Amino acid sequence: MKYTKEHEWLRVEGDLVVVGITEHAATALGDVVFVELPETETVVATGDEVVVIESVKAASDILAPVDGEIVAVNSKLADNPGLVNEDPLGAAWFFKMRVDDLAVLDDLMDEDEYYEMIG
């Protein structure tokens, strides 16, 4: 698993990259009450706003961690946004991307580097 400074995690599944937010981020957000997901077949660039999350504390954007195409979204989050708090590293993934070169993930943090960053 890889991590971004924006508290996103990325997991490779076959030729796709699955993206979610870390437990640290989910805890900081508080109770998530709404999730707006992107459309599939959307081509995104690194840093593009992809997902909007609203919690009892604030609204936040999830940014595209790498360039690619959104090929699947987790529609369960629209019906049950609380999944983000219940299982942020598992059932609460946000979207799956197809990227041209998985080697771009090498530039992201591994687990040890991420946990060192958040202290």
PDB file of N, CA and C in Angstrom:
ATOM      1  N   MET A   1       0.853  -1.179   0.000  1.00  0.00           N
ATOM      2  CA  MET A   1       0.000   0.000   0.000  1.00  0.00           C
ATOM      3  C   MET A   1       0.899   1.243   0.000  1.00  0.00           C
ATOM      4  N   LYS A   2       0.464   2.273  -0.687  1.00  0.00           N
ATOM      5  CA  LYS A   2       1.178   3.542  -0.748  1.00  0.00           C
ATOM      6  C   LYS A   2       0.297   4.643  -0.163  1.00  0.00           C
ATOM      7  N   TYR A   3       0.919   5.740   0.209  1.00  0.00           N
ATOM      8  CA  TYR A   3       0.198   6.830   0.868  1.00  0.00           C
ATOM      9  C   TYR A   3       0.609   8.176   0.286  1.00  0.00           C
ATOM     10  N   THR A   4      -0.315   9.145   0.330  1.00  0.00           N
ATOM     11  CA  THR A   4       0.008  10.511  -0.078  1.00  0.00           C
ATOM     12  C   THR A   4       0.065  11.405   1.149  1.00  0.00           C
ATOM     13  N   LYS A   5       0.621  12.593   0.980  1.00  0.00           N
ATOM     14  CA  LYS A   5       0.652  13.570   2.065  1.00  0.00           C
ATOM     15  C   LYS A   5      -0.753  14.060   2.398  1.00  0.00           C
ATOM     16  N   GLU A   6      -1.695  13.850   1.478  1.00  0.00           N
ATOM     17  CA  GLU A   6      -3.084  14.262   1.692  1.00  0.00           C
ATOM     18  C   GLU A   6      -3.897  13.164   2.382  1.00  0.00           C
ATOM     19  N   HIS A   7      -3.201  12.154   2.935  1.00  0.00           N
ATOM     20  CA  HIS A   7      -3.823  11.088   3.722  1.00  0.00           C
ATOM     21  C   HIS A   7      -4.703  10.158   2.889  1.00  0.00           C
ATOM     22  N   GLU A   8      -4.314   9.951   1.648  1.00  0.00           N
ATOM     23  CA  GLU A   8      -4.977   8.956   0.818  1.00  0.00           C
ATOM     24  C   GLU A   8      -4.117   7.698   0.802  1.00  0.00           C
ATOM     25  N   TRP A   9      -4.768   6.557   0.691  1.00  0.00           N
ATOM     26  CA  TRP A   9      -4.016   5.316   0.482  1.00  0.00           C
ATOM     27  C   TRP A   9      -4.311   4.814  -0.912  1.00  0.00           C
ATOM     28  N   LEU A  10      -3.332   4.097  -1.466  1.00  0.00           N
ATOM     29  CA  LEU A  10      -3.467   3.513  -2.797  1.00  0.00           C
ATOM     30  C   LEU A  10      -3.030   2.065  -2.722  1.00  0.00           C
ATOM     31  N   ARG A  11      -3.858   1.189  -3.268  1.00  0.00           N
ATOM     32  CA  ARG A  11      -3.567  -0.245  -3.272  1.00  0.00           C
ATOM     33  C   ARG A  11      -3.701  -0.744  -4.708  1.00  0.00           C
ATOM     34  N   VAL A  12      -2.708  -1.471  -5.177  1.00  0.00           N
ATOM     35  CA  VAL A  12      -2.742  -2.013  -6.532  1.00  0.00           C
ATOM     36  C   VAL A  12      -3.528  -3.318  -6.510  1.00  0.00           C
ATOM     37  N   GLU A  13      -4.510  -3.418  -7.410  1.00  0.00           N
ATOM     38  CA  GLU A  13      -5.275  -4.646  -7.615  1.00  0.00           C
ATOM     39  C   GLU A  13      -5.237  -4.951  -9.102  1.00  0.00           C
ATOM     40  N   GLY A  14      -4.429  -5.915  -9.480  1.00  0.00           N
ATOM     41  CA  GLY A  14      -4.257  -6.224 -10.903  1.00  0.00           C
ATOM     42  C   GLY A  14      -3.612  -5.047 -11.608  1.00  0.00           C
ATOM     43  N   ASP A  15      -4.286  -4.521 -12.627  1.00  0.00           N
ATOM     44  CA  ASP A  15      -3.736  -3.356 -13.321  1.00  0.00           C
ATOM     45  C   ASP A  15      -4.422  -2.065 -12.891  1.00  0.00           C
ATOM     46  N   LEU A  16      -5.185  -2.123 -11.794  1.00  0.00           N
ATOM     47  CA  LEU A  16      -5.899  -0.935 -11.298  1.00  0.00           C
ATOM     48  C   LEU A  16      -5.322  -0.463  -9.966  1.00  0.00           C
ATOM     49  N   VAL A  17      -5.583   0.795  -9.646  1.00  0.00           N
ATOM     50  CA  VAL A  17      -5.191   1.372  -8.368  1.00  0.00           C
ATOM     51  C   VAL A  17      -6.469   1.750  -7.617  1.00  0.00           C
ATOM     52  N   VAL A  18      -6.630   1.217  -6.425  1.00  0.00           N
ATOM     53  CA  VAL A  18      -7.782   1.508  -5.572  1.00  0.00           C
ATOM     54  C   VAL A  18      -7.378   2.623  -4.622  1.00  0.00           C
ATOM     55  N   VAL A  19      -8.269   3.627  -4.437  1.00  0.00           N
ATOM     56  CA  VAL A  19      -7.941   4.805  -3.636  1.00  0.00           C
ATOM     57  C   VAL A  19      -8.972   4.997  -2.526  1.00  0.00           C
ATOM     58  N   GLY A  20      -8.473   5.292  -1.328  1.00  0.00           N
ATOM     59  CA  GLY A  20      -9.317   5.615  -0.192  1.00  0.00           C
ATOM     60  C   GLY A  20      -8.585   6.598   0.705  1.00  0.00           C
ATOM     61  N   ILE A  21      -9.145   6.868   1.883  1.00  0.00           N
ATOM     62  CA  ILE A  21      -8.449   7.732   2.839  1.00  0.00           C
ATOM     63  C   ILE A  21      -8.050   6.907   4.052  1.00  0.00           C
ATOM     64  N   THR A  22      -7.038   7.389   4.733  1.00  0.00           N
ATOM     65  CA  THR A  22      -6.498   6.654   5.870  1.00  0.00           C
ATOM     66  C   THR A  22      -7.406   6.766   7.089  1.00  0.00           C
ATOM     67  N   GLU A  23      -7.167   5.896   8.045  1.00  0.00           N
ATOM     68  CA  GLU A  23      -7.914   5.938   9.296  1.00  0.00           C
ATOM     69  C   GLU A  23      -7.657   7.266  10.009  1.00  0.00           C
ATOM     70  N   HIS A  24      -6.426   7.754   9.917  1.00  0.00           N
ATOM     71  CA  HIS A  24      -6.085   9.046  10.520  1.00  0.00           C
ATOM     72  C   HIS A  24      -6.985  10.147   9.949  1.00  0.00           C
ATOM     73  N   ALA A  25      -7.152  10.170   8.633  1.00  0.00           N
ATOM     74  CA  ALA A  25      -7.983  11.187   7.990  1.00  0.00           C
ATOM     75  C   ALA A  25      -9.450  11.012   8.359  1.00  0.00           C
ATOM     76  N   ALA A  26      -9.912   9.766   8.366  1.00  0.00           N
ATOM     77  CA  ALA A  26     -11.316   9.510   8.690  1.00  0.00           C
ATOM     78  C   ALA A  26     -11.628   9.949  10.118  1.00  0.00           C
ATOM     79  N   THR A  27     -10.701   9.705  11.020  1.00  0.00           N
ATOM     80  CA  THR A  27     -10.890  10.122  12.415  1.00  0.00           C
ATOM     81  C   THR A  27     -10.891  11.641  12.520  1.00  0.00           C
ATOM     82  N   ALA A  28      -9.991  12.298  11.796  1.00  0.00           N
ATOM     83  CA  ALA A  28      -9.912  13.756  11.843  1.00  0.00           C
ATOM     84  C   ALA A  28     -11.172  14.407  11.274  1.00  0.00           C
ATOM     85  N   LEU A  29     -11.771  13.772  10.279  1.00  0.00           N
ATOM     86  CA  LEU A  29     -12.987  14.330   9.681  1.00  0.00           C
ATOM     87  C   LEU A  29     -14.175  14.275  10.643  1.00  0.00           C
ATOM     88  N   GLY A  30     -14.222  13.272  11.484  1.00  0.00           N
ATOM     89  CA  GLY A  30     -15.406  13.057  12.304  1.00  0.00           C
ATOM     90  C   GLY A  30     -16.418  12.261  11.507  1.00  0.00           C
ATOM     91  N   ASP A  31     -17.658  12.267  11.940  1.00  0.00           N
ATOM     92  CA  ASP A  31     -18.690  11.462  11.280  1.00  0.00           C
ATOM     93  C   ASP A  31     -18.955  11.971   9.878  1.00  0.00           C
ATOM     94  N   VAL A  32     -18.711  11.120   8.883  1.00  0.00           N
ATOM     95  CA  VAL A  32     -18.949  11.475   7.483  1.00  0.00           C
ATOM     96  C   VAL A  32     -20.435  11.318   7.195  1.00  0.00           C
ATOM     97  N   VAL A  33     -21.037  12.359   6.603  1.00  0.00           N
ATOM     98  CA  VAL A  33     -22.481  12.340   6.365  1.00  0.00           C
ATOM     99  C   VAL A  33     -22.841  12.366   4.881  1.00  0.00           C
ATOM    100  N   PHE A  34     -21.854  12.647   4.012  1.00  0.00           N
ATOM    101  CA  PHE A  34     -22.145  12.712   2.574  1.00  0.00           C
ATOM    102  C   PHE A  34     -20.862  12.483   1.802  1.00  0.00           C
ATOM    103  N   VAL A  35     -20.978  11.722   0.710  1.00  0.00           N
ATOM    104  CA  VAL A  35     -19.844  11.498  -0.180  1.00  0.00           C
ATOM    105  C   VAL A  35     -20.325  11.683  -1.615  1.00  0.00           C
ATOM    106  N   GLU A  36     -19.680  12.560  -2.362  1.00  0.00           N
ATOM    107  CA  GLU A  36     -19.978  12.753  -3.777  1.00  0.00           C
ATOM    108  C   GLU A  36     -18.848  12.123  -4.582  1.00  0.00           C
ATOM    109  N   LEU A  37     -19.188  11.119  -5.376  1.00  0.00           N
ATOM    110  CA  LEU A  37     -18.195  10.365  -6.129  1.00  0.00           C
ATOM    111  C   LEU A  37     -18.101  10.868  -7.565  1.00  0.00           C
ATOM    112  N   PRO A  38     -16.980  10.604  -8.226  1.00  0.00           N
ATOM    113  CA  PRO A  38     -16.829  11.032  -9.625  1.00  0.00           C
ATOM    114  C   PRO A  38     -17.584  10.093 -10.569  1.00  0.00           C
ATOM    115  N   GLU A  39     -17.700  10.505 -11.798  1.00  0.00           N
ATOM    116  CA  GLU A  39     -18.259   9.650 -12.837  1.00  0.00           C
ATOM    117  C   GLU A  39     -17.166   8.693 -13.307  1.00  0.00           C
ATOM    118  N   THR A  40     -17.563   7.490 -13.671  1.00  0.00           N
ATOM    119  CA  THR A  40     -16.583   6.590 -14.272  1.00  0.00           C
ATOM    120  C   THR A  40     -16.230   7.108 -15.665  1.00  0.00           C
ATOM    121  N   GLU A  41     -15.123   6.664 -16.184  1.00  0.00           N
ATOM    122  CA  GLU A  41     -14.578   7.074 -17.478  1.00  0.00           C
ATOM    123  C   GLU A  41     -14.098   8.523 -17.474  1.00  0.00           C
ATOM    124  N   THR A  42     -13.932   9.105 -16.281  1.00  0.00           N
ATOM    125  CA  THR A  42     -13.384  10.444 -16.158  1.00  0.00           C
ATOM    126  C   THR A  42     -11.863  10.359 -16.127  1.00  0.00           C
ATOM    127  N   VAL A  43     -11.223  11.117 -17.001  1.00  0.00           N
ATOM    128  CA  VAL A  43      -9.769  11.166 -17.005  1.00  0.00           C
ATOM    129  C   VAL A  43      -9.334  12.308 -16.087  1.00  0.00           C
ATOM    130  N   VAL A  44      -8.443  12.003 -15.148  1.00  0.00           N
ATOM    131  CA  VAL A  44      -8.022  12.990 -14.155  1.00  0.00           C
ATOM    132  C   VAL A  44      -6.506  13.131 -14.170  1.00  0.00           C
ATOM    133  N   ALA A  45      -6.064  14.299 -13.713  1.00  0.00           N
ATOM    134  CA  ALA A  45      -4.637  14.560 -13.550  1.00  0.00           C
ATOM    135  C   ALA A  45      -4.338  14.656 -12.058  1.00  0.00           C
ATOM    136  N   THR A  46      -3.128  14.401 -11.689  1.00  0.00           N
ATOM    137  CA  THR A  46      -2.712  14.488 -10.302  1.00  0.00           C
ATOM    138  C   THR A  46      -3.132  15.828  -9.705  1.00  0.00           C
ATOM    139  N   GLY A  47      -3.816  15.794  -8.587  1.00  0.00           N
ATOM    140  CA  GLY A  47      -4.246  17.011  -7.913  1.00  0.00           C
ATOM    141  C   GLY A  47      -5.646  17.474  -8.258  1.00  0.00           C
ATOM    142  N   ASP A  48      -6.279  16.860  -9.261  1.00  0.00           N
ATOM    143  CA  ASP A  48      -7.659  17.224  -9.583  1.00  0.00           C
ATOM    144  C   ASP A  48      -8.580  16.818  -8.433  1.00  0.00           C
ATOM    145  N   GLU A  49      -9.590  17.632  -8.166  1.00  0.00           N
ATOM    146  CA  GLU A  49     -10.591  17.270  -7.168  1.00  0.00           C
ATOM    147  C   GLU A  49     -11.445  16.146  -7.737  1.00  0.00           C
ATOM    148  N   VAL A  50     -11.555  15.065  -6.989  1.00  0.00           N
ATOM    149  CA  VAL A  50     -12.257  13.893  -7.507  1.00  0.00           C
ATOM    150  C   VAL A  50     -13.481  13.537  -6.657  1.00  0.00           C
ATOM    151  N   VAL A  51     -13.344  13.637  -5.342  1.00  0.00           N
ATOM    152  CA  VAL A  51     -14.403  13.250  -4.418  1.00  0.00           C
ATOM    153  C   VAL A  51     -14.622  14.397  -3.431  1.00  0.00           C
ATOM    154  N   VAL A  52     -15.882  14.627  -3.080  1.00  0.00           N
ATOM    155  CA  VAL A  52     -16.214  15.590  -2.029  1.00  0.00           C
ATOM    156  C   VAL A  52     -16.767  14.801  -0.840  1.00  0.00           C
ATOM    157  N   ILE A  53     -16.210  15.082   0.319  1.00  0.00           N
ATOM    158  CA  ILE A  53     -16.668  14.441   1.555  1.00  0.00           C
ATOM    159  C   ILE A  53     -17.183  15.524   2.488  1.00  0.00           C
ATOM    160  N   GLU A  54     -18.354  15.305   3.038  1.00  0.00           N
ATOM    161  CA  GLU A  54     -18.870  16.222   4.057  1.00  0.00           C
ATOM    162  C   GLU A  54     -19.014  15.450   5.353  1.00  0.00           C
ATOM    163  N   SER A  55     -18.507  16.066   6.413  1.00  0.00           N
ATOM    164  CA  SER A  55     -18.636  15.454   7.733  1.00  0.00           C
ATOM    165  C   SER A  55     -19.284  16.458   8.659  1.00  0.00           C
ATOM    166  N   VAL A  56     -19.471  16.050   9.899  1.00  0.00           N
ATOM    167  CA  VAL A  56     -20.059  16.951  10.871  1.00  0.00           C
ATOM    168  C   VAL A  56     -19.117  18.120  11.175  1.00  0.00           C
ATOM    169  N   LYS A  57     -17.832  17.968  10.838  1.00  0.00           N
ATOM    170  CA  LYS A  57     -16.847  19.011  11.121  1.00  0.00           C
ATOM    171  C   LYS A  57     -16.571  19.919   9.928  1.00  0.00           C
ATOM    172  N   ALA A  58     -16.536  19.348   8.706  1.00  0.00           N
ATOM    173  CA  ALA A  58     -16.102  20.135   7.552  1.00  0.00           C
ATOM    174  C   ALA A  58     -16.373  19.392   6.249  1.00  0.00           C
ATOM    175  N   ALA A  59     -16.190  20.099   5.141  1.00  0.00           N
ATOM    176  CA  ALA A  59     -16.210  19.470   3.825  1.00  0.00           C
ATOM    177  C   ALA A  59     -14.765  19.382   3.345  1.00  0.00           C
ATOM    178  N   SER A  60     -14.437  18.290   2.696  1.00  0.00           N
ATOM    179  CA  SER A  60     -13.078  18.079   2.210  1.00  0.00           C
ATOM    180  C   SER A  60     -13.129  17.499   0.808  1.00  0.00           C
ATOM    181  N   ASP A  61     -12.057  17.718   0.066  1.00  0.00           N
ATOM    182  CA  ASP A  61     -11.934  17.142  -1.258  1.00  0.00           C
ATOM    183  C   ASP A  61     -10.888  16.047  -1.225  1.00  0.00           C
ATOM    184  N   ILE A  62     -11.142  15.017  -1.981  1.00  0.00           N
ATOM    185  CA  ILE A  62     -10.143  13.983  -2.222  1.00  0.00           C
ATOM    186  C   ILE A  62      -9.583  14.265  -3.609  1.00  0.00           C
ATOM    187  N   LEU A  63      -8.261  14.357  -3.691  1.00  0.00           N
ATOM    188  CA  LEU A  63      -7.607  14.699  -4.943  1.00  0.00           C
ATOM    189  C   LEU A  63      -7.099  13.448  -5.641  1.00  0.00           C
ATOM    190  N   ALA A  64      -7.033  13.521  -6.954  1.00  0.00           N
ATOM    191  CA  ALA A  64      -6.449  12.407  -7.704  1.00  0.00           C
ATOM    192  C   ALA A  64      -4.985  12.294  -7.302  1.00  0.00           C
ATOM    193  N   PRO A  65      -4.575  11.125  -6.810  1.00  0.00           N
ATOM    194  CA  PRO A  65      -3.192  10.980  -6.357  1.00  0.00           C
ATOM    195  C   PRO A  65      -2.197  10.830  -7.503  1.00  0.00           C
ATOM    196  N   VAL A  66      -2.682  10.386  -8.642  1.00  0.00           N
ATOM    197  CA  VAL A  66      -1.851  10.209  -9.841  1.00  0.00           C
ATOM    198  C   VAL A  66      -2.729  10.468 -11.065  1.00  0.00           C
ATOM    199  N   ASP A  67      -2.108  10.592 -12.229  1.00  0.00           N
ATOM    200  CA  ASP A  67      -2.852  10.717 -13.476  1.00  0.00           C
ATOM    201  C   ASP A  67      -3.502   9.371 -13.804  1.00  0.00           C
ATOM    202  N   GLY A  68      -4.721   9.437 -14.374  1.00  0.00           N
ATOM    203  CA  GLY A  68      -5.346   8.182 -14.777  1.00  0.00           C
ATOM    204  C   GLY A  68      -6.803   8.363 -15.126  1.00  0.00           C
ATOM    205  N   GLU A  69      -7.476   7.238 -15.306  1.00  0.00           N
ATOM    206  CA  GLU A  69      -8.898   7.243 -15.635  1.00  0.00           C
ATOM    207  C   GLU A  69      -9.662   6.534 -14.534  1.00  0.00           C
ATOM    208  N   ILE A  70     -10.743   7.165 -14.063  1.00  0.00           N
ATOM    209  CA  ILE A  70     -11.605   6.547 -13.060  1.00  0.00           C
ATOM    210  C   ILE A  70     -12.406   5.456 -13.774  1.00  0.00           C
ATOM    211  N   VAL A  71     -12.253   4.228 -13.330  1.00  0.00           N
ATOM    212  CA  VAL A  71     -12.940   3.128 -13.998  1.00  0.00           C
ATOM    213  C   VAL A  71     -14.030   2.491 -13.131  1.00  0.00           C
ATOM    214  N   ALA A  72     -14.049   2.785 -11.842  1.00  0.00           N
ATOM    215  CA  ALA A  72     -15.090   2.265 -10.946  1.00  0.00           C
ATOM    216  C   ALA A  72     -15.186   3.168  -9.727  1.00  0.00           C
ATOM    217  N   VAL A  73     -16.400   3.271  -9.179  1.00  0.00           N
ATOM    218  CA  VAL A  73     -16.591   4.016  -7.935  1.00  0.00           C
ATOM    219  C   VAL A  73     -17.332   3.114  -6.956  1.00  0.00           C
ATOM    220  N   ASN A  74     -17.191   3.402  -5.679  1.00  0.00           N
ATOM    221  CA  ASN A  74     -17.819   2.613  -4.624  1.00  0.00           C
ATOM    222  C   ASN A  74     -19.176   3.222  -4.304  1.00  0.00           C
ATOM    223  N   SER A  75     -20.198   2.775  -5.026  1.00  0.00           N
ATOM    224  CA  SER A  75     -21.532   3.358  -4.876  1.00  0.00           C
ATOM    225  C   SER A  75     -22.136   3.097  -3.499  1.00  0.00           C
ATOM    226  N   LYS A  76     -21.574   2.144  -2.745  1.00  0.00           N
ATOM    227  CA  LYS A  76     -22.076   1.898  -1.381  1.00  0.00           C
ATOM    228  C   LYS A  76     -21.908   3.134  -0.508  1.00  0.00           C
ATOM    229  N   LEU A  77     -20.921   3.968  -0.822  1.00  0.00           N
ATOM    230  CA  LEU A  77     -20.671   5.160   0.003  1.00  0.00           C
ATOM    231  C   LEU A  77     -21.784   6.199  -0.138  1.00  0.00           C
ATOM    232  N   ALA A  78     -22.451   6.225  -1.286  1.00  0.00           N
ATOM    233  CA  ALA A  78     -23.544   7.186  -1.466  1.00  0.00           C
ATOM    234  C   ALA A  78     -24.696   6.856  -0.517  1.00  0.00           C
ATOM    235  N   ASP A  79     -24.955   5.571  -0.334  1.00  0.00           N
ATOM    236  CA  ASP A  79     -26.041   5.141   0.544  1.00  0.00           C
ATOM    237  C   ASP A  79     -25.626   5.093   2.005  1.00  0.00           C
ATOM    238  N   ASN A  80     -24.333   4.842   2.238  1.00  0.00           N
ATOM    239  CA  ASN A  80     -23.845   4.684   3.610  1.00  0.00           C
ATOM    240  C   ASN A  80     -22.497   5.391   3.774  1.00  0.00           C
ATOM    241  N   PRO A  81     -22.486   6.736   3.816  1.00  0.00           N
ATOM    242  CA  PRO A  81     -21.220   7.446   3.943  1.00  0.00           C
ATOM    243  C   PRO A  81     -20.482   7.132   5.232  1.00  0.00           C
ATOM    244  N   GLY A  82     -21.170   6.628   6.234  1.00  0.00           N
ATOM    245  CA  GLY A  82     -20.540   6.264   7.499  1.00  0.00           C
ATOM    246  C   GLY A  82     -19.523   5.142   7.363  1.00  0.00           C
ATOM    247  N   LEU A  83     -19.539   4.424   6.228  1.00  0.00           N
ATOM    248  CA  LEU A  83     -18.524   3.398   5.979  1.00  0.00           C
ATOM    249  C   LEU A  83     -17.122   3.979   6.050  1.00  0.00           C
ATOM    250  N   VAL A  84     -16.987   5.258   5.699  1.00  0.00           N
ATOM    251  CA  VAL A  84     -15.670   5.914   5.721  1.00  0.00           C
ATOM    252  C   VAL A  84     -15.104   5.866   7.138  1.00  0.00           C
ATOM    253  N   ASN A  85     -15.942   6.018   8.127  1.00  0.00           N
ATOM    254  CA  ASN A  85     -15.492   5.968   9.517  1.00  0.00           C
ATOM    255  C   ASN A  85     -15.352   4.526  10.013  1.00  0.00           C
ATOM    256  N   GLU A  86     -16.221   3.649   9.524  1.00  0.00           N
ATOM    257  CA  GLU A  86     -16.235   2.274  10.017  1.00  0.00           C
ATOM    258  C   GLU A  86     -15.085   1.429   9.462  1.00  0.00           C
ATOM    259  N   ASP A  87     -14.757   1.593   8.182  1.00  0.00           N
ATOM    260  CA  ASP A  87     -13.758   0.729   7.555  1.00  0.00           C
ATOM    261  C   ASP A  87     -12.986   1.495   6.476  1.00  0.00           C
ATOM    262  N   PRO A  88     -12.235   2.537   6.876  1.00  0.00           N
ATOM    263  CA  PRO A  88     -11.582   3.391   5.879  1.00  0.00           C
ATOM    264  C   PRO A  88     -10.552   2.676   5.015  1.00  0.00           C
ATOM    265  N   LEU A  89      -9.938   1.633   5.527  1.00  0.00           N
ATOM    266  CA  LEU A  89      -8.902   0.938   4.758  1.00  0.00           C
ATOM    267  C   LEU A  89      -9.447  -0.264   3.992  1.00  0.00           C
ATOM    268  N   GLY A  90     -10.743  -0.505   4.091  1.00  0.00           N
ATOM    269  CA  GLY A  90     -11.303  -1.680   3.434  1.00  0.00           C
ATOM    270  C   GLY A  90     -12.513  -1.347   2.590  1.00  0.00           C
ATOM    271  N   ALA A  91     -13.700  -1.512   3.176  1.00  0.00           N
ATOM    272  CA  ALA A  91     -14.959  -1.362   2.437  1.00  0.00           C
ATOM    273  C   ALA A  91     -15.203   0.061   1.943  1.00  0.00           C
ATOM    274  N   ALA A  92     -14.515   1.032   2.495  1.00  0.00           N
ATOM    275  CA  ALA A  92     -14.782   2.434   2.144  1.00  0.00           C
ATOM    276  C   ALA A  92     -13.813   2.988   1.107  1.00  0.00           C
ATOM    277  N   TRP A  93     -13.361   2.164   0.173  1.00  0.00           N
ATOM    278  CA  TRP A  93     -12.565   2.718  -0.924  1.00  0.00           C
ATOM    279  C   TRP A  93     -13.467   3.654  -1.728  1.00  0.00           C
ATOM    280  N   PHE A  94     -12.851   4.657  -2.376  1.00  0.00           N
ATOM    281  CA  PHE A  94     -13.650   5.643  -3.110  1.00  0.00           C
ATOM    282  C   PHE A  94     -13.751   5.328  -4.601  1.00  0.00           C
ATOM    283  N   PHE A  95     -12.593   5.078  -5.217  1.00  0.00           N
ATOM    284  CA  PHE A  95     -12.626   4.827  -6.664  1.00  0.00           C
ATOM    285  C   PHE A  95     -11.441   3.973  -7.072  1.00  0.00           C
ATOM    286  N   LYS A  96     -11.563   3.399  -8.261  1.00  0.00           N
ATOM    287  CA  LYS A  96     -10.481   2.628  -8.860  1.00  0.00           C
ATOM    288  C   LYS A  96     -10.050   3.355 -10.123  1.00  0.00           C
ATOM    289  N   MET A  97      -8.738   3.395 -10.325  1.00  0.00           N
ATOM    290  CA  MET A  97      -8.167   4.111 -11.461  1.00  0.00           C
ATOM    291  C   MET A  97      -7.342   3.165 -12.324  1.00  0.00           C
ATOM    292  N   ARG A  98      -7.309   3.464 -13.594  1.00  0.00           N
ATOM    293  CA  ARG A  98      -6.347   2.833 -14.490  1.00  0.00           C
ATOM    294  C   ARG A  98      -5.270   3.878 -14.759  1.00  0.00           C
ATOM    295  N   VAL A  99      -4.039   3.518 -14.486  1.00  0.00           N
ATOM    296  CA  VAL A  99      -2.921   4.435 -14.714  1.00  0.00           C
ATOM    297  C   VAL A  99      -2.026   3.842 -15.800  1.00  0.00           C
ATOM    298  N   ASP A 100      -1.371   4.707 -16.534  1.00  0.00           N
ATOM    299  CA  ASP A 100      -0.518   4.242 -17.632  1.00  0.00           C
ATOM    300  C   ASP A 100       0.697   3.482 -17.128  1.00  0.00           C
ATOM    301  N   ASP A 101       1.248   3.934 -16.014  1.00  0.00           N
ATOM    302  CA  ASP A 101       2.490   3.340 -15.532  1.00  0.00           C
ATOM    303  C   ASP A 101       2.435   3.245 -14.007  1.00  0.00           C
ATOM    304  N   LEU A 102       2.321   2.033 -13.494  1.00  0.00           N
ATOM    305  CA  LEU A 102       2.230   1.849 -12.042  1.00  0.00           C
ATOM    306  C   LEU A 102       3.500   2.295 -11.323  1.00  0.00           C
ATOM    307  N   ALA A 103       4.571   2.503 -12.058  1.00  0.00           N
ATOM    308  CA  ALA A 103       5.821   2.952 -11.435  1.00  0.00           C
ATOM    309  C   ALA A 103       5.666   4.338 -10.796  1.00  0.00           C
ATOM    310  N   VAL A 104       4.631   5.100 -11.177  1.00  0.00           N
ATOM    311  CA  VAL A 104       4.427   6.417 -10.559  1.00  0.00           C
ATOM    312  C   VAL A 104       4.170   6.279  -9.062  1.00  0.00           C
ATOM    313  N   LEU A 105       3.710   5.103  -8.646  1.00  0.00           N
ATOM    314  CA  LEU A 105       3.438   4.889  -7.224  1.00  0.00           C
ATOM    315  C   LEU A 105       4.717   4.824  -6.405  1.00  0.00           C
ATOM    316  N   ASP A 106       5.833   4.561  -7.077  1.00  0.00           N
ATOM    317  CA  ASP A 106       7.111   4.483  -6.363  1.00  0.00           C
ATOM    318  C   ASP A 106       7.481   5.801  -5.699  1.00  0.00           C
ATOM    319  N   ASP A 107       6.926   6.903  -6.188  1.00  0.00           N
ATOM    320  CA  ASP A 107       7.235   8.220  -5.630  1.00  0.00           C
ATOM    321  C   ASP A 107       6.420   8.524  -4.376  1.00  0.00           C
ATOM    322  N   LEU A 108       5.441   7.696  -4.057  1.00  0.00           N
ATOM    323  CA  LEU A 108       4.589   7.937  -2.886  1.00  0.00           C
ATOM    324  C   LEU A 108       5.200   7.259  -1.658  1.00  0.00           C
ATOM    325  N   MET A 109       4.659   7.586  -0.489  1.00  0.00           N
ATOM    326  CA  MET A 109       5.187   7.062   0.775  1.00  0.00           C
ATOM    327  C   MET A 109       4.760   5.617   1.004  1.00  0.00           C
ATOM    328  N   ASP A 110       5.632   4.839   1.629  1.00  0.00           N
ATOM    329  CA  ASP A 110       5.211   3.524   2.092  1.00  0.00           C
ATOM    330  C   ASP A 110       4.625   3.702   3.501  1.00  0.00           C
ATOM    331  N   GLU A 111       4.180   2.596   4.100  1.00  0.00           N
ATOM    332  CA  GLU A 111       3.490   2.679   5.392  1.00  0.00           C
ATOM    333  C   GLU A 111       4.361   3.305   6.476  1.00  0.00           C
ATOM    334  N   ASP A 112       5.630   2.892   6.542  1.00  0.00           N
ATOM    335  CA  ASP A 112       6.515   3.433   7.575  1.00  0.00           C
ATOM    336  C   ASP A 112       6.688   4.951   7.418  1.00  0.00           C
ATOM    337  N   GLU A 113       6.871   5.396   6.192  1.00  0.00           N
ATOM    338  CA  GLU A 113       7.055   6.839   5.942  1.00  0.00           C
ATOM    339  C   GLU A 113       5.781   7.611   6.293  1.00  0.00           C
ATOM    340  N   TYR A 114       4.605   7.026   5.966  1.00  0.00           N
ATOM    341  CA  TYR A 114       3.344   7.711   6.278  1.00  0.00           C
ATOM    342  C   TYR A 114       3.171   7.857   7.788  1.00  0.00           C
ATOM    343  N   TYR A 115       3.374   6.741   8.511  1.00  0.00           N
ATOM    344  CA  TYR A 115       3.171   6.817   9.966  1.00  0.00           C
ATOM    345  C   TYR A 115       4.198   7.720  10.635  1.00  0.00           C
ATOM    346  N   GLU A 116       5.379   7.824  10.062  1.00  0.00           N
ATOM    347  CA  GLU A 116       6.364   8.782  10.573  1.00  0.00           C
ATOM    348  C   GLU A 116       5.876  10.215  10.352  1.00  0.00           C
ATOM    349  N   MET A 117       5.234  10.466   9.192  1.00  0.00           N
ATOM    350  CA  MET A 117       4.727  11.802   8.886  1.00  0.00           C
ATOM    351  C   MET A 117       3.630  12.231   9.866  1.00  0.00           C
ATOM    352  N   ILE A 118       2.720  11.303  10.191  1.00  0.00           N
ATOM    353  CA  ILE A 118       1.609  11.702  11.062  1.00  0.00           C
ATOM    354  C   ILE A 118       1.988  11.629  12.534  1.00  0.00           C
ATOM    355  N   GLY A 119       3.176  11.083  12.806  1.00  0.00           N
ATOM    356  CA  GLY A 119       3.673  11.070  14.176  1.00  0.00           C
ATOM    357  C   GLY A 119       3.012  10.024  14.987  1.00  0.00           C
TER     358      GLY A 119
END
